[in-house]
């Protein structure tokens, strides 16, 4: 994890029940279904978080096709994909984070590649009342416990405060592990400096660009 030339794999639980499986590779049809699900599941965050919450299609495809990233996929009995959680103990597979931060924070875990990053966690809006999400978290929790590891992830403030996602995951991890400590590792603020009142002379509604004629500058 984060060390060139070193690869340590872990063996995921292949099936928690009949609808949740852990897969290192997926077929093209499943990859397409996961992208469609991703677009639906994350659409509501477009105007609720300052940071872009959705990966581009190429970056999403890289996550889905990378065998170092385990895909916990929830399906209905008819095979329809309704949920996905991704997990990797190779932090180089998570391009939006700094592996060095986690090496500094968890040196012992990092040294034996036991820091597991959940990069994507989602269920279809119509499946949020089901146990699909709980099943995926239970499966990845069991795999992390088998490696004596630590789970890390990131989420926007909306998901923390409104969706209560961190609280939900904490409860599910407590159920799986018996006890767990939820810790906030870092926070990035998106700031703005706004005038209390726009002076009329510079109000955006009345500012007009200067017009310079070609003859004047010739």
Protein backbone atom coordinates (compact mmCIF):
# COMPACT_ATOMS: atom_id res chain seq x y z
CA UNK A 1 0.00 0.00 0.00
CA UNK A 2 1.77 3.07 -1.22
CA UNK A 3 5.11 1.28 -1.68
CA UNK A 4 6.34 0.71 -5.20
CA UNK A 5 6.99 -2.90 -6.03
CA UNK A 6 5.07 -4.26 -3.04
CA UNK A 7 1.71 -5.94 -3.45
CA UNK A 8 -0.16 -7.56 -0.61
CA UNK A 9 -3.61 -8.95 -1.31
CA UNK A 10 -6.40 -9.92 1.03
CA UNK A 11 -9.06 -12.54 0.47
CA UNK A 12 -12.58 -11.09 0.60
CA UNK A 13 -15.59 -13.00 1.81
CA UNK A 14 -17.07 -14.28 -1.42
CA UNK A 15 -20.69 -14.22 -0.24
CA UNK A 16 -22.39 -12.95 2.88
CA UNK A 17 -25.82 -14.09 1.75
CA UNK A 18 -27.59 -14.65 -1.52
CA UNK A 19 -27.51 -10.98 -2.63
CA UNK A 20 -24.11 -9.62 -1.53
CA UNK A 21 -20.88 -10.76 -3.17
CA UNK A 22 -17.30 -9.51 -3.06
CA UNK A 23 -15.63 -9.37 -6.46
CA UNK A 24 -12.19 -8.26 -7.62
CA UNK A 25 -13.31 -8.25 -11.26
CA UNK A 26 -16.67 -7.56 -12.88
CA UNK A 27 -17.95 -8.21 -16.37
CA UNK A 28 -18.75 -5.34 -18.78
CA UNK A 29 -22.50 -5.64 -18.22
CA UNK A 30 -22.07 -5.33 -14.43
CA UNK A 31 -19.67 -2.42 -14.88
CA UNK A 32 -22.27 -0.61 -16.97
CA UNK A 33 -24.99 -1.33 -14.40
CA UNK A 34 -22.76 0.00 -11.62
CA UNK A 35 -22.15 3.23 -13.55
CA UNK A 36 -25.88 3.72 -14.07
CA UNK A 37 -26.46 3.09 -10.36
CA UNK A 38 -23.66 5.52 -9.46
CA UNK A 39 -25.25 8.31 -11.50
CA UNK A 40 -28.62 7.79 -9.82
CA UNK A 41 -27.28 7.38 -6.28
CA UNK A 42 -25.00 10.44 -6.35
CA UNK A 43 -27.16 12.80 -8.38
CA UNK A 44 -28.59 14.43 -5.26
CA UNK A 45 -25.16 15.58 -4.07
CA UNK A 46 -24.37 17.77 -7.06
CA UNK A 47 -25.64 20.96 -5.38
CA UNK A 48 -25.17 19.88 -1.75
CA UNK A 49 -21.37 19.64 -1.55
CA UNK A 50 -18.68 22.10 -2.61
CA UNK A 51 -16.30 19.32 -3.59
CA UNK A 52 -17.22 17.26 -6.61
CA UNK A 53 -18.68 14.04 -5.24
CA UNK A 54 -18.81 12.05 -8.47
CA UNK A 55 -15.89 10.52 -10.28
CA UNK A 56 -15.65 11.01 -14.01
CA UNK A 57 -16.65 8.01 -16.11
CA UNK A 58 -13.00 7.08 -16.88
CA UNK A 59 -11.99 7.34 -13.19
CA UNK A 60 -15.02 5.32 -12.12
CA UNK A 61 -14.20 2.65 -14.69
CA UNK A 62 -10.63 2.45 -13.39
CA UNK A 63 -11.96 1.84 -9.87
CA UNK A 64 -14.35 -0.84 -11.06
CA UNK A 65 -11.83 -2.64 -13.27
CA UNK A 66 -8.86 -2.45 -10.88
CA UNK A 67 -8.42 -5.89 -9.30
CA UNK A 68 -6.81 -4.25 -6.24
CA UNK A 69 -10.20 -2.72 -5.45
CA UNK A 70 -12.73 -5.20 -4.07
CA UNK A 71 -16.31 -4.54 -5.14
CA UNK A 72 -19.00 -5.54 -2.65
CA UNK A 73 -22.05 -5.75 -4.87
CA UNK A 74 -25.63 -6.06 -3.64
CA UNK A 75 -28.14 -7.60 -6.02
CA UNK A 76 -31.78 -8.50 -5.95
CA UNK A 77 -32.72 -12.15 -6.38
CA UNK A 78 -33.30 -11.44 -10.08
CA UNK A 79 -29.70 -10.24 -10.47
CA UNK A 80 -30.39 -6.51 -10.62
CA UNK A 81 -27.56 -4.46 -9.05
CA UNK A 82 -28.82 -2.23 -6.22
CA UNK A 83 -25.70 -1.40 -4.21
CA UNK A 84 -21.92 -1.10 -4.23
CA UNK A 85 -19.14 -0.57 -1.71
CA UNK A 86 -15.51 -0.51 -2.84
CA UNK A 87 -12.59 -1.39 -0.57
CA UNK A 88 -8.83 -1.41 -1.07
CA UNK A 89 -5.78 -1.80 1.13
CA UNK A 90 -3.61 -0.30 -1.61
CA UNK A 91 -4.15 3.42 -1.10
CA UNK A 92 -2.53 4.22 -4.43
CA UNK A 93 -5.85 3.13 -5.95
CA UNK A 94 -7.57 6.15 -4.33
CA UNK A 95 -6.34 9.15 -6.36
CA UNK A 96 -8.07 11.84 -4.26
CA UNK A 97 -6.27 11.06 -0.97
CA UNK A 98 -2.71 11.27 0.35
CA UNK A 99 -1.36 7.82 1.31
CA UNK A 100 1.38 9.58 3.28
CA UNK A 101 -1.25 11.00 5.65
CA UNK A 102 -2.48 7.53 6.51
CA UNK A 103 1.07 6.20 6.79
CA UNK A 104 1.74 8.89 9.40
CA UNK A 105 -1.57 8.34 11.21
CA UNK A 106 -1.49 4.54 11.26
CA UNK A 107 2.15 3.48 10.82
CA UNK A 108 1.75 -0.05 12.19
CA UNK A 109 -1.39 -0.76 10.17
CA UNK A 110 0.09 0.85 7.07
CA UNK A 111 3.29 -1.20 7.32
CA UNK A 112 1.34 -4.43 6.96
CA UNK A 113 -1.17 -3.00 4.48
CA UNK A 114 -4.08 -3.12 6.92
CA UNK A 115 -5.50 0.35 6.23
CA UNK A 116 -8.62 -0.28 4.14
CA UNK A 117 -10.17 2.60 2.21
CA UNK A 118 -13.83 2.58 1.23
CA UNK A 119 -13.94 4.81 -1.81
CA UNK A 120 -17.55 4.34 -2.93
CA UNK A 121 -20.58 3.39 -0.85
CA UNK A 122 -24.02 3.56 -2.40
CA UNK A 123 -27.40 1.95 -2.80
CA UNK A 124 -30.19 2.72 -5.22
CA UNK A 125 -32.64 5.26 -3.74
CA UNK A 126 -35.42 2.67 -3.98
CA UNK A 127 -33.33 0.21 -1.91
CA UNK A 128 -32.41 2.47 0.99
CA UNK A 129 -35.06 0.88 3.19
CA UNK A 130 -33.67 -2.61 2.54
CA UNK A 131 -30.73 -4.38 4.21
CA UNK A 132 -28.57 -4.08 1.09
CA UNK A 133 -26.28 -1.44 2.58
CA UNK A 134 -26.07 -3.23 5.92
CA UNK A 135 -25.17 -6.44 4.13
CA UNK A 136 -22.33 -4.82 2.20
CA UNK A 137 -20.90 -3.13 5.29
CA UNK A 138 -21.14 -6.38 7.25
CA UNK A 139 -19.21 -8.19 4.51
CA UNK A 140 -16.40 -5.65 4.30
CA UNK A 141 -16.25 -5.36 8.10
CA UNK A 142 -15.72 -9.10 8.38
CA UNK A 143 -12.92 -8.99 5.82
CA UNK A 144 -11.20 -6.08 7.57
CA UNK A 145 -11.50 -7.84 10.92
CA UNK A 146 -9.89 -10.95 9.44
CA UNK A 147 -6.89 -8.80 8.51
CA UNK A 148 -6.94 -6.98 11.87
CA UNK A 149 -7.31 -3.74 9.95
CA UNK A 150 -8.81 -0.28 10.18
CA UNK A 151 -11.53 1.18 7.96
CA UNK A 152 -11.14 4.70 6.58
CA UNK A 153 -13.35 6.73 4.25
CA UNK A 154 -14.45 10.26 3.41
CA UNK A 155 -17.87 11.85 3.13
CA UNK A 156 -19.32 15.30 2.62
CA UNK A 157 -20.94 17.30 5.41
CA UNK A 158 -24.41 16.73 3.95
CA UNK A 159 -24.00 12.97 4.28
CA UNK A 160 -22.74 13.38 7.84
CA UNK A 161 -25.34 15.85 9.13
CA UNK A 162 -28.43 15.17 7.04
CA UNK A 163 -28.13 11.58 5.84
CA UNK A 164 -26.40 10.51 9.09
CA UNK A 165 -24.19 8.19 7.08
CA UNK A 166 -21.29 8.20 9.53
CA UNK A 167 -23.64 7.32 12.38
CA UNK A 168 -25.16 4.50 10.35
CA UNK A 169 -21.78 3.02 9.47
CA UNK A 170 -20.65 3.28 13.09
CA UNK A 171 -23.70 1.33 14.22
CA UNK A 172 -23.12 -1.33 11.57
CA UNK A 173 -19.44 -1.64 12.45
CA UNK A 174 -20.31 -1.97 16.14
CA UNK A 175 -22.67 -4.78 15.25
CA UNK A 176 -19.92 -6.51 13.27
CA UNK A 177 -16.96 -5.88 15.59
CA UNK A 178 -18.60 -5.53 18.99
CA UNK A 179 -16.99 -2.15 19.63
CA UNK A 180 -15.56 0.58 17.43
CA UNK A 181 -14.23 4.14 17.79
CA UNK A 182 -15.37 6.63 15.16
CA UNK A 183 -12.70 9.32 14.65
CA UNK A 184 -12.66 12.41 12.44
CA UNK A 185 -9.19 12.48 10.87
CA UNK A 186 -9.25 15.76 8.95
CA UNK A 187 -11.51 18.49 7.64
CA UNK A 188 -11.23 20.73 4.59
CA UNK A 189 -13.25 23.93 4.53
CA UNK A 190 -14.60 25.65 1.44
CA UNK A 191 -14.76 29.37 2.22
CA UNK A 192 -16.22 32.52 0.68
CA UNK A 193 -15.73 36.22 1.44
CA UNK A 194 -18.94 38.10 0.66
CA UNK A 195 -19.55 41.84 0.90
CA UNK A 196 -22.27 42.85 3.33
CA UNK A 197 -23.58 45.28 0.75
CA UNK A 198 -22.39 45.80 -2.80
CA UNK A 199 -21.45 49.42 -3.57
CA UNK A 200 -23.64 50.54 -6.47
CA UNK A 201 -20.59 51.43 -8.54
CA UNK A 202 -19.24 47.87 -8.47
CA UNK A 203 -22.39 45.78 -8.09
CA UNK A 204 -22.13 42.80 -10.47
CA UNK A 205 -25.51 43.67 -11.96
CA UNK A 206 -24.31 47.06 -13.15
CA UNK A 207 -20.68 46.38 -14.07
CA UNK A 208 -20.22 46.39 -17.83
CA UNK A 209 -17.08 45.36 -19.69
CA UNK A 210 -15.11 48.15 -21.31
CA UNK A 211 -15.38 48.32 -25.09
CA UNK A 212 -12.20 49.18 -26.97
CA UNK A 213 -12.42 49.81 -30.70
CA UNK A 214 -9.94 48.21 -33.02
CA UNK A 215 -9.17 51.68 -34.48
CA UNK A 216 -8.22 53.03 -31.06
CA UNK A 217 -5.55 50.38 -30.53
CA UNK A 218 -4.27 50.21 -34.08
